[in-house]
Amino acid sequence: MAPVRQRPFLWDCLLRGLRFCYLMWGGMLLGSLALYSRYRLPEFLWNWPDLARFLMGPWGRGMLLGIGLAMALGALLEVWELVDRMLVRFLHESDH
């Protein structure tokens, strides 16, 4: 098996930062839309009224809140890894 090459530090930090931003933004957006019942279903879902009623009801709101919470938790883990990588990089270099 070939050894796995790591991405350059700056590229890795940039990608982790972008991933943090979209996960946090998406989690906050889904959570607030579900919490205040401000989401709307696309027109094609209304072809199946039972599914549409389920998604607009409390179970659908709960699913959206759960997805939003999972995205926010993913953003927290992503920023944790980003800060850890930056601290290891900078503190390891200043150790000498």
PDB file of N, CA and C in Angstrom:
ATOM      1  N   MET A   1       0.844  -1.171   0.000  1.00  0.00           N
ATOM      2  CA  MET A   1       0.000   0.000   0.000  1.00  0.00           C
ATOM      3  C   MET A   1       0.894   1.239   0.000  1.00  0.00           C
ATOM      4  N   ALA A   2       0.574   2.183  -0.845  1.00  0.00           N
ATOM      5  CA  ALA A   2       1.367   3.401  -0.954  1.00  0.00           C
ATOM      6  C   ALA A   2       1.128   4.300   0.258  1.00  0.00           C
ATOM      7  N   PRO A   3       2.166   4.989   0.713  1.00  0.00           N
ATOM      8  CA  PRO A   3       1.979   5.889   1.860  1.00  0.00           C
ATOM      9  C   PRO A   3       1.071   7.063   1.475  1.00  0.00           C
ATOM     10  N   VAL A   4       0.264   7.468   2.415  1.00  0.00           N
ATOM     11  CA  VAL A   4      -0.680   8.558   2.185  1.00  0.00           C
ATOM     12  C   VAL A   4       0.043   9.886   2.425  1.00  0.00           C
ATOM     13  N   ARG A   5      -0.006  10.765   1.425  1.00  0.00           N
ATOM     14  CA  ARG A   5       0.617  12.082   1.589  1.00  0.00           C
ATOM     15  C   ARG A   5      -0.379  13.037   2.230  1.00  0.00           C
ATOM     16  N   GLN A   6       0.111  13.821   3.156  1.00  0.00           N
ATOM     17  CA  GLN A   6      -0.754  14.816   3.778  1.00  0.00           C
ATOM     18  C   GLN A   6      -0.820  16.058   2.910  1.00  0.00           C
ATOM     19  N   ARG A   7      -1.944  16.748   3.018  1.00  0.00           N
ATOM     20  CA  ARG A   7      -2.089  18.009   2.298  1.00  0.00           C
ATOM     21  C   ARG A   7      -1.180  19.057   2.928  1.00  0.00           C
ATOM     22  N   PRO A   8      -0.781  20.057   2.155  1.00  0.00           N
ATOM     23  CA  PRO A   8      -0.015  21.163   2.740  1.00  0.00           C
ATOM     24  C   PRO A   8      -0.829  21.848   3.840  1.00  0.00           C
ATOM     25  N   PHE A   9      -0.121  22.419   4.804  1.00  0.00           N
ATOM     26  CA  PHE A   9      -0.761  22.997   5.988  1.00  0.00           C
ATOM     27  C   PHE A   9      -1.773  24.082   5.631  1.00  0.00           C
ATOM     28  N   LEU A  10      -1.397  25.020   4.788  1.00  0.00           N
ATOM     29  CA  LEU A  10      -2.290  26.123   4.448  1.00  0.00           C
ATOM     30  C   LEU A  10      -3.545  25.615   3.726  1.00  0.00           C
ATOM     31  N   TRP A  11      -3.376  24.700   2.806  1.00  0.00           N
ATOM     32  CA  TRP A  11      -4.507  24.119   2.069  1.00  0.00           C
ATOM     33  C   TRP A  11      -5.436  23.372   3.022  1.00  0.00           C
ATOM     34  N   ASP A  12      -4.866  22.633   3.957  1.00  0.00           N
ATOM     35  CA  ASP A  12      -5.651  21.882   4.927  1.00  0.00           C
ATOM     36  C   ASP A  12      -6.441  22.830   5.830  1.00  0.00           C
ATOM     37  N   CYS A  13      -5.801  23.888   6.302  1.00  0.00           N
ATOM     38  CA  CYS A  13      -6.492  24.857   7.157  1.00  0.00           C
ATOM     39  C   CYS A  13      -7.615  25.555   6.400  1.00  0.00           C
ATOM     40  N   LEU A  14      -7.379  25.887   5.148  1.00  0.00           N
ATOM     41  CA  LEU A  14      -8.402  26.544   4.347  1.00  0.00           C
ATOM     42  C   LEU A  14      -9.614  25.629   4.147  1.00  0.00           C
ATOM     43  N   LEU A  15      -9.373  24.373   3.818  1.00  0.00           N
ATOM     44  CA  LEU A  15     -10.487  23.437   3.614  1.00  0.00           C
ATOM     45  C   LEU A  15     -11.248  23.171   4.906  1.00  0.00           C
ATOM     46  N   ARG A  16     -10.521  23.024   5.999  1.00  0.00           N
ATOM     47  CA  ARG A  16     -11.202  22.813   7.286  1.00  0.00           C
ATOM     48  C   ARG A  16     -12.013  24.035   7.693  1.00  0.00           C
ATOM     49  N   GLY A  17     -11.482  25.219   7.440  1.00  0.00           N
ATOM     50  CA  GLY A  17     -12.217  26.442   7.756  1.00  0.00           C
ATOM     51  C   GLY A  17     -13.487  26.575   6.928  1.00  0.00           C
ATOM     52  N   LEU A  18     -13.404  26.265   5.646  1.00  0.00           N
ATOM     53  CA  LEU A  18     -14.597  26.302   4.798  1.00  0.00           C
ATOM     54  C   LEU A  18     -15.628  25.266   5.226  1.00  0.00           C
ATOM     55  N   ARG A  19     -15.154  24.074   5.575  1.00  0.00           N
ATOM     56  CA  ARG A  19     -16.065  23.021   6.028  1.00  0.00           C
ATOM     57  C   ARG A  19     -16.763  23.441   7.321  1.00  0.00           C
ATOM     58  N   PHE A  20     -15.999  24.070   8.231  1.00  0.00           N
ATOM     59  CA  PHE A  20     -16.598  24.575   9.470  1.00  0.00           C
ATOM     60  C   PHE A  20     -17.689  25.591   9.161  1.00  0.00           C
ATOM     61  N   CYS A  21     -17.402  26.522   8.247  1.00  0.00           N
ATOM     62  CA  CYS A  21     -18.375  27.583   7.937  1.00  0.00           C
ATOM     63  C   CYS A  21     -19.674  27.016   7.368  1.00  0.00           C
ATOM     64  N   TYR A  22     -19.578  26.102   6.396  1.00  0.00           N
ATOM     65  CA  TYR A  22     -20.837  25.621   5.820  1.00  0.00           C
ATOM     66  C   TYR A  22     -21.571  24.691   6.765  1.00  0.00           C
ATOM     67  N   LEU A  23     -20.858  23.936   7.596  1.00  0.00           N
ATOM     68  CA  LEU A  23     -21.560  23.089   8.560  1.00  0.00           C
ATOM     69  C   LEU A  23     -22.263  23.933   9.626  1.00  0.00           C
ATOM     70  N   MET A  24     -21.597  24.963  10.123  1.00  0.00           N
ATOM     71  CA  MET A  24     -22.212  25.804  11.150  1.00  0.00           C
ATOM     72  C   MET A  24     -23.377  26.602  10.563  1.00  0.00           C
ATOM     73  N   TRP A  25     -23.173  27.177   9.370  1.00  0.00           N
ATOM     74  CA  TRP A  25     -24.239  27.948   8.746  1.00  0.00           C
ATOM     75  C   TRP A  25     -25.445  27.053   8.456  1.00  0.00           C
ATOM     76  N   GLY A  26     -25.203  25.886   7.880  1.00  0.00           N
ATOM     77  CA  GLY A  26     -26.301  24.978   7.562  1.00  0.00           C
ATOM     78  C   GLY A  26     -27.018  24.478   8.804  1.00  0.00           C
ATOM     79  N   GLY A  27     -26.269  24.157   9.852  1.00  0.00           N
ATOM     80  CA  GLY A  27     -26.886  23.696  11.083  1.00  0.00           C
ATOM     81  C   GLY A  27     -27.744  24.770  11.736  1.00  0.00           C
ATOM     82  N   MET A  28     -27.228  25.991  11.749  1.00  0.00           N
ATOM     83  CA  MET A  28     -28.007  27.089  12.337  1.00  0.00           C
ATOM     84  C   MET A  28     -29.240  27.404  11.488  1.00  0.00           C
ATOM     85  N   LEU A  29     -29.091  27.360  10.168  1.00  0.00           N
ATOM     86  CA  LEU A  29     -30.223  27.637   9.285  1.00  0.00           C
ATOM     87  C   LEU A  29     -31.317  26.579   9.443  1.00  0.00           C
ATOM     88  N   LEU A  30     -30.933  25.300   9.371  1.00  0.00           N
ATOM     89  CA  LEU A  30     -31.945  24.243   9.519  1.00  0.00           C
ATOM     90  C   LEU A  30     -32.594  24.280  10.892  1.00  0.00           C
ATOM     91  N   GLY A  31     -31.782  24.488  11.916  1.00  0.00           N
ATOM     92  CA  GLY A  31     -32.334  24.541  13.271  1.00  0.00           C
ATOM     93  C   GLY A  31     -33.318  25.683  13.451  1.00  0.00           C
ATOM     94  N   SER A  32     -32.973  26.866  12.977  1.00  0.00           N
ATOM     95  CA  SER A  32     -33.878  28.002  13.156  1.00  0.00           C
ATOM     96  C   SER A  32     -35.124  27.870  12.278  1.00  0.00           C
ATOM     97  N   LEU A  33     -34.975  27.348  11.057  1.00  0.00           N
ATOM     98  CA  LEU A  33     -36.155  27.145  10.217  1.00  0.00           C
ATOM     99  C   LEU A  33     -37.107  26.136  10.843  1.00  0.00           C
ATOM    100  N   ALA A  34     -36.572  25.061  11.381  1.00  0.00           N
ATOM    101  CA  ALA A  34     -37.435  24.044  11.990  1.00  0.00           C
ATOM    102  C   ALA A  34     -38.032  24.538  13.300  1.00  0.00           C
ATOM    103  N   LEU A  35     -37.262  25.290  14.065  1.00  0.00           N
ATOM    104  CA  LEU A  35     -37.739  25.751  15.362  1.00  0.00           C
ATOM    105  C   LEU A  35     -38.910  26.717  15.218  1.00  0.00           C
ATOM    106  N   TYR A  36     -38.853  27.578  14.217  1.00  0.00           N
ATOM    107  CA  TYR A  36     -39.913  28.566  14.025  1.00  0.00           C
ATOM    108  C   TYR A  36     -40.885  28.206  12.908  1.00  0.00           C
ATOM    109  N   SER A  37     -40.829  26.983  12.418  1.00  0.00           N
ATOM    110  CA  SER A  37     -41.727  26.484  11.355  1.00  0.00           C
ATOM    111  C   SER A  37     -41.740  27.405  10.137  1.00  0.00           C
ATOM    112  N   ARG A  38     -40.580  27.798   9.671  1.00  0.00           N
ATOM    113  CA  ARG A  38     -40.476  28.711   8.539  1.00  0.00           C
ATOM    114  C   ARG A  38     -40.039  28.008   7.261  1.00  0.00           C
ATOM    115  N   TYR A  39     -40.018  26.688   7.241  1.00  0.00           N
ATOM    116  CA  TYR A  39     -39.588  25.965   6.043  1.00  0.00           C
ATOM    117  C   TYR A  39     -40.792  25.619   5.184  1.00  0.00           C
ATOM    118  N   ARG A  40     -40.546  25.510   3.893  1.00  0.00           N
ATOM    119  CA  ARG A  40     -41.588  25.161   2.930  1.00  0.00           C
ATOM    120  C   ARG A  40     -41.113  23.990   2.104  1.00  0.00           C
ATOM    121  N   LEU A  41     -42.033  23.151   1.727  1.00  0.00           N
ATOM    122  CA  LEU A  41     -41.695  21.990   0.905  1.00  0.00           C
ATOM    123  C   LEU A  41     -41.787  22.348  -0.570  1.00  0.00           C
ATOM    124  N   PRO A  42     -40.958  21.720  -1.403  1.00  0.00           N
ATOM    125  CA  PRO A  42     -41.066  21.946  -2.849  1.00  0.00           C
ATOM    126  C   PRO A  42     -42.410  21.421  -3.377  1.00  0.00           C
ATOM    127  N   GLU A  43     -42.816  21.962  -4.479  1.00  0.00           N
ATOM    128  CA  GLU A  43     -44.133  21.619  -5.058  1.00  0.00           C
ATOM    129  C   GLU A  43     -44.273  20.134  -5.377  1.00  0.00           C
ATOM    130  N   PHE A  44     -43.200  19.497  -5.859  1.00  0.00           N
ATOM    131  CA  PHE A  44     -43.333  18.095  -6.266  1.00  0.00           C
ATOM    132  C   PHE A  44     -43.620  17.174  -5.085  1.00  0.00           C
ATOM    133  N   LEU A  45     -43.270  17.573  -3.861  1.00  0.00           N
ATOM    134  CA  LEU A  45     -43.579  16.733  -2.696  1.00  0.00           C
ATOM    135  C   LEU A  45     -45.064  16.751  -2.349  1.00  0.00           C
ATOM    136  N   TRP A  46     -45.786  17.775  -2.783  1.00  0.00           N
ATOM    137  CA  TRP A  46     -47.212  17.834  -2.503  1.00  0.00           C
ATOM    138  C   TRP A  46     -48.000  16.863  -3.379  1.00  0.00           C
ATOM    139  N   ASN A  47     -47.342  16.163  -4.313  1.00  0.00           N
ATOM    140  CA  ASN A  47     -48.005  15.098  -5.062  1.00  0.00           C
ATOM    141  C   ASN A  47     -48.299  13.909  -4.162  1.00  0.00           C
ATOM    142  N   TRP A  48     -47.552  13.794  -3.062  1.00  0.00           N
ATOM    143  CA  TRP A  48     -47.779  12.757  -2.053  1.00  0.00           C
ATOM    144  C   TRP A  48     -48.201  13.451  -0.765  1.00  0.00           C
ATOM    145  N   PRO A  49     -49.503  13.674  -0.587  1.00  0.00           N
ATOM    146  CA  PRO A  49     -49.970  14.483   0.561  1.00  0.00           C
ATOM    147  C   PRO A  49     -49.620  13.892   1.918  1.00  0.00           C
ATOM    148  N   ASP A  50     -49.588  12.568   2.026  1.00  0.00           N
ATOM    149  CA  ASP A  50     -49.252  11.981   3.330  1.00  0.00           C
ATOM    150  C   ASP A  50     -47.803  12.278   3.704  1.00  0.00           C
ATOM    151  N   LEU A  51     -46.906  12.171   2.745  1.00  0.00           N
ATOM    152  CA  LEU A  51     -45.505  12.483   2.996  1.00  0.00           C
ATOM    153  C   LEU A  51     -45.346  13.962   3.330  1.00  0.00           C
ATOM    154  N   ALA A  52     -46.050  14.819   2.610  1.00  0.00           N
ATOM    155  CA  ALA A  52     -45.956  16.261   2.858  1.00  0.00           C
ATOM    156  C   ALA A  52     -46.466  16.604   4.252  1.00  0.00           C
ATOM    157  N   ARG A  53     -47.583  16.010   4.669  1.00  0.00           N
ATOM    158  CA  ARG A  53     -48.106  16.265   6.014  1.00  0.00           C
ATOM    159  C   ARG A  53     -47.154  15.759   7.084  1.00  0.00           C
ATOM    160  N   PHE A  54     -46.528  14.604   6.832  1.00  0.00           N
ATOM    161  CA  PHE A  54     -45.561  14.064   7.783  1.00  0.00           C
ATOM    162  C   PHE A  54     -44.366  15.008   7.934  1.00  0.00           C
ATOM    163  N   LEU A  55     -43.855  15.501   6.796  1.00  0.00           N
ATOM    164  CA  LEU A  55     -42.680  16.378   6.849  1.00  0.00           C
ATOM    165  C   LEU A  55     -42.990  17.754   7.441  1.00  0.00           C
ATOM    166  N   MET A  56     -44.228  18.201   7.304  1.00  0.00           N
ATOM    167  CA  MET A  56     -44.605  19.500   7.869  1.00  0.00           C
ATOM    168  C   MET A  56     -45.052  19.393   9.326  1.00  0.00           C
ATOM    169  N   GLY A  57     -45.233  18.184   9.815  1.00  0.00           N
ATOM    170  CA  GLY A  57     -45.679  17.982  11.188  1.00  0.00           C
ATOM    171  C   GLY A  57     -44.520  17.983  12.177  1.00  0.00           C
ATOM    172  N   PRO A  58     -44.821  17.591  13.407  1.00  0.00           N
ATOM    173  CA  PRO A  58     -43.788  17.610  14.451  1.00  0.00           C
ATOM    174  C   PRO A  58     -42.634  16.635  14.185  1.00  0.00           C
ATOM    175  N   TRP A  59     -42.903  15.507  13.537  1.00  0.00           N
ATOM    176  CA  TRP A  59     -41.819  14.568  13.238  1.00  0.00           C
ATOM    177  C   TRP A  59     -40.867  15.144  12.200  1.00  0.00           C
ATOM    178  N   GLY A  60     -41.410  15.827  11.214  1.00  0.00           N
ATOM    179  CA  GLY A  60     -40.564  16.475  10.217  1.00  0.00           C
ATOM    180  C   GLY A  60     -39.719  17.579  10.826  1.00  0.00           C
ATOM    181  N   ARG A  61     -40.336  18.374  11.714  1.00  0.00           N
ATOM    182  CA  ARG A  61     -39.573  19.411  12.417  1.00  0.00           C
ATOM    183  C   ARG A  61     -38.483  18.789  13.280  1.00  0.00           C
ATOM    184  N   GLY A  62     -38.810  17.684  13.925  1.00  0.00           N
ATOM    185  CA  GLY A  62     -37.814  16.999  14.747  1.00  0.00           C
ATOM    186  C   GLY A  62     -36.656  16.468  13.920  1.00  0.00           C
ATOM    187  N   MET A  63     -36.975  15.950  12.728  1.00  0.00           N
ATOM    188  CA  MET A  63     -35.901  15.473  11.850  1.00  0.00           C
ATOM    189  C   MET A  63     -35.007  16.622  11.401  1.00  0.00           C
ATOM    190  N   LEU A  64     -35.606  17.752  11.041  1.00  0.00           N
ATOM    191  CA  LEU A  64     -34.802  18.911  10.637  1.00  0.00           C
ATOM    192  C   LEU A  64     -33.957  19.433  11.792  1.00  0.00           C
ATOM    193  N   LEU A  65     -34.530  19.467  12.987  1.00  0.00           N
ATOM    194  CA  LEU A  65     -33.748  19.890  14.148  1.00  0.00           C
ATOM    195  C   LEU A  65     -32.594  18.932  14.413  1.00  0.00           C
ATOM    196  N   GLY A  66     -32.840  17.638  14.248  1.00  0.00           N
ATOM    197  CA  GLY A  66     -31.786  16.645  14.439  1.00  0.00           C
ATOM    198  C   GLY A  66     -30.667  16.786  13.424  1.00  0.00           C
ATOM    199  N   ILE A  67     -31.028  17.019  12.165  1.00  0.00           N
ATOM    200  CA  ILE A  67     -30.008  17.212  11.126  1.00  0.00           C
ATOM    201  C   ILE A  67     -29.222  18.494  11.401  1.00  0.00           C
ATOM    202  N   GLY A  68     -29.932  19.553  11.812  1.00  0.00           N
ATOM    203  CA  GLY A  68     -29.251  20.798  12.151  1.00  0.00           C
ATOM    204  C   GLY A  68     -28.311  20.632  13.322  1.00  0.00           C
ATOM    205  N   LEU A  69     -28.731  19.878  14.329  1.00  0.00           N
ATOM    206  CA  LEU A  69     -27.867  19.613  15.486  1.00  0.00           C
ATOM    207  C   LEU A  69     -26.654  18.790  15.081  1.00  0.00           C
ATOM    208  N   ALA A  70     -26.857  17.800  14.218  1.00  0.00           N
ATOM    209  CA  ALA A  70     -25.727  16.988  13.753  1.00  0.00           C
ATOM    210  C   ALA A  70     -24.740  17.839  12.958  1.00  0.00           C
ATOM    211  N   MET A  71     -25.252  18.771  12.150  1.00  0.00           N
ATOM    212  CA  MET A  71     -24.355  19.649  11.394  1.00  0.00           C
ATOM    213  C   MET A  71     -23.585  20.585  12.327  1.00  0.00           C
ATOM    214  N   ALA A  72     -24.251  21.124  13.341  1.00  0.00           N
ATOM    215  CA  ALA A  72     -23.570  22.004  14.291  1.00  0.00           C
ATOM    216  C   ALA A  72     -22.513  21.232  15.090  1.00  0.00           C
ATOM    217  N   LEU A  73     -22.824  19.989  15.447  1.00  0.00           N
ATOM    218  CA  LEU A  73     -21.843  19.158  16.148  1.00  0.00           C
ATOM    219  C   LEU A  73     -20.666  18.838  15.239  1.00  0.00           C
ATOM    220  N   GLY A  74     -20.934  18.584  13.971  1.00  0.00           N
ATOM    221  CA  GLY A  74     -19.862  18.367  13.003  1.00  0.00           C
ATOM    222  C   GLY A  74     -18.981  19.598  12.861  1.00  0.00           C
ATOM    223  N   ALA A  75     -19.597  20.791  12.910  1.00  0.00           N
ATOM    224  CA  ALA A  75     -18.821  22.036  12.841  1.00  0.00           C
ATOM    225  C   ALA A  75     -17.945  22.189  14.072  1.00  0.00           C
ATOM    226  N   LEU A  76     -18.465  21.816  15.229  1.00  0.00           N
ATOM    227  CA  LEU A  76     -17.669  21.880  16.454  1.00  0.00           C
ATOM    228  C   LEU A  76     -16.462  20.948  16.370  1.00  0.00           C
ATOM    229  N   LEU A  77     -16.668  19.741  15.885  1.00  0.00           N
ATOM    230  CA  LEU A  77     -15.553  18.802  15.738  1.00  0.00           C
ATOM    231  C   LEU A  77     -14.551  19.298  14.702  1.00  0.00           C
ATOM    232  N   GLU A  78     -15.047  19.906  13.652  1.00  0.00           N
ATOM    233  CA  GLU A  78     -14.159  20.413  12.608  1.00  0.00           C
ATOM    234  C   GLU A  78     -13.281  21.547  13.118  1.00  0.00           C
ATOM    235  N   VAL A  79     -13.870  22.481  13.873  1.00  0.00           N
ATOM    236  CA  VAL A  79     -13.067  23.576  14.402  1.00  0.00           C
ATOM    237  C   VAL A  79     -12.108  23.063  15.479  1.00  0.00           C
ATOM    238  N   TRP A  80     -12.496  22.027  16.205  1.00  0.00           N
ATOM    239  CA  TRP A  80     -11.607  21.417  17.191  1.00  0.00           C
ATOM    240  C   TRP A  80     -10.369  20.854  16.491  1.00  0.00           C
ATOM    241  N   GLU A  81     -10.575  20.134  15.405  1.00  0.00           N
ATOM    242  CA  GLU A  81      -9.444  19.570  14.653  1.00  0.00           C
ATOM    243  C   GLU A  81      -8.595  20.664  14.023  1.00  0.00           C
ATOM    244  N   LEU A  82      -9.225  21.731  13.555  1.00  0.00           N
ATOM    245  CA  LEU A  82      -8.489  22.841  12.951  1.00  0.00           C
ATOM    246  C   LEU A  82      -7.585  23.512  13.984  1.00  0.00           C
ATOM    247  N   VAL A  83      -8.131  23.819  15.151  1.00  0.00           N
ATOM    248  CA  VAL A  83      -7.333  24.454  16.202  1.00  0.00           C
ATOM    249  C   VAL A  83      -6.244  23.509  16.673  1.00  0.00           C
ATOM    250  N   ASP A  84      -6.545  22.236  16.811  1.00  0.00           N
ATOM    251  CA  ASP A  84      -5.544  21.261  17.231  1.00  0.00           C
ATOM    252  C   ASP A  84      -4.395  21.193  16.230  1.00  0.00           C
ATOM    253  N   ARG A  85      -4.733  21.156  14.965  1.00  0.00           N
ATOM    254  CA  ARG A  85      -3.691  21.099  13.926  1.00  0.00           C
ATOM    255  C   ARG A  85      -2.826  22.358  13.944  1.00  0.00           C
ATOM    256  N   MET A  86      -3.458  23.509  14.122  1.00  0.00           N
ATOM    257  CA  MET A  86      -2.695  24.756  14.158  1.00  0.00           C
ATOM    258  C   MET A  86      -1.800  24.826  15.392  1.00  0.00           C
ATOM    259  N   LEU A  87      -2.316  24.417  16.550  1.00  0.00           N
ATOM    260  CA  LEU A  87      -1.501  24.449  17.764  1.00  0.00           C
ATOM    261  C   LEU A  87      -0.336  23.481  17.684  1.00  0.00           C
ATOM    262  N   VAL A  88      -0.574  22.294  17.180  1.00  0.00           N
ATOM    263  CA  VAL A  88       0.515  21.321  17.037  1.00  0.00           C
ATOM    264  C   VAL A  88       1.575  21.857  16.079  1.00  0.00           C
ATOM    265  N   ARG A  89       1.143  22.462  15.017  1.00  0.00           N
ATOM    266  CA  ARG A  89       2.094  22.995  14.035  1.00  0.00           C
ATOM    267  C   ARG A  89       2.936  24.123  14.631  1.00  0.00           C
ATOM    268  N   PHE A  90       2.295  25.097  15.262  1.00  0.00           N
ATOM    269  CA  PHE A  90       3.026  26.258  15.736  1.00  0.00           C
ATOM    270  C   PHE A  90       3.789  25.992  17.028  1.00  0.00           C
ATOM    271  N   LEU A  91       3.230  25.218  17.931  1.00  0.00           N
ATOM    272  CA  LEU A  91       3.926  24.947  19.192  1.00  0.00           C
ATOM    273  C   LEU A  91       5.060  23.951  18.990  1.00  0.00           C
ATOM    274  N   HIS A  92       4.919  23.059  18.033  1.00  0.00           N
ATOM    275  CA  HIS A  92       5.986  22.112  17.761  1.00  0.00           C
ATOM    276  C   HIS A  92       7.179  22.814  17.146  1.00  0.00           C
ATOM    277  N   GLU A  93       6.925  23.820  16.296  1.00  0.00           N
ATOM    278  CA  GLU A  93       8.013  24.551  15.681  1.00  0.00           C
ATOM    279  C   GLU A  93       8.718  25.471  16.674  1.00  0.00           C
ATOM    280  N   SER A  94       8.000  25.981  17.674  1.00  0.00           N
ATOM    281  CA  SER A  94       8.623  26.870  18.640  1.00  0.00           C
ATOM    282  C   SER A  94       9.278  26.104  19.787  1.00  0.00           C
ATOM    283  N   ASP A  95       9.184  24.804  19.763  1.00  0.00           N
ATOM    284  CA  ASP A  95       9.719  23.964  20.831  1.00  0.00           C
ATOM    285  C   ASP A  95      11.247  23.921  20.808  1.00  0.00           C
ATOM    286  N   HIS A  96      11.867  24.224  19.715  1.00  0.00           N
ATOM    287  CA  HIS A  96      13.321  24.057  19.571  1.00  0.00           C
ATOM    288  C   HIS A  96      14.052  25.192  20.149  1.00  0.00           C
TER     289      HIS A  96
END
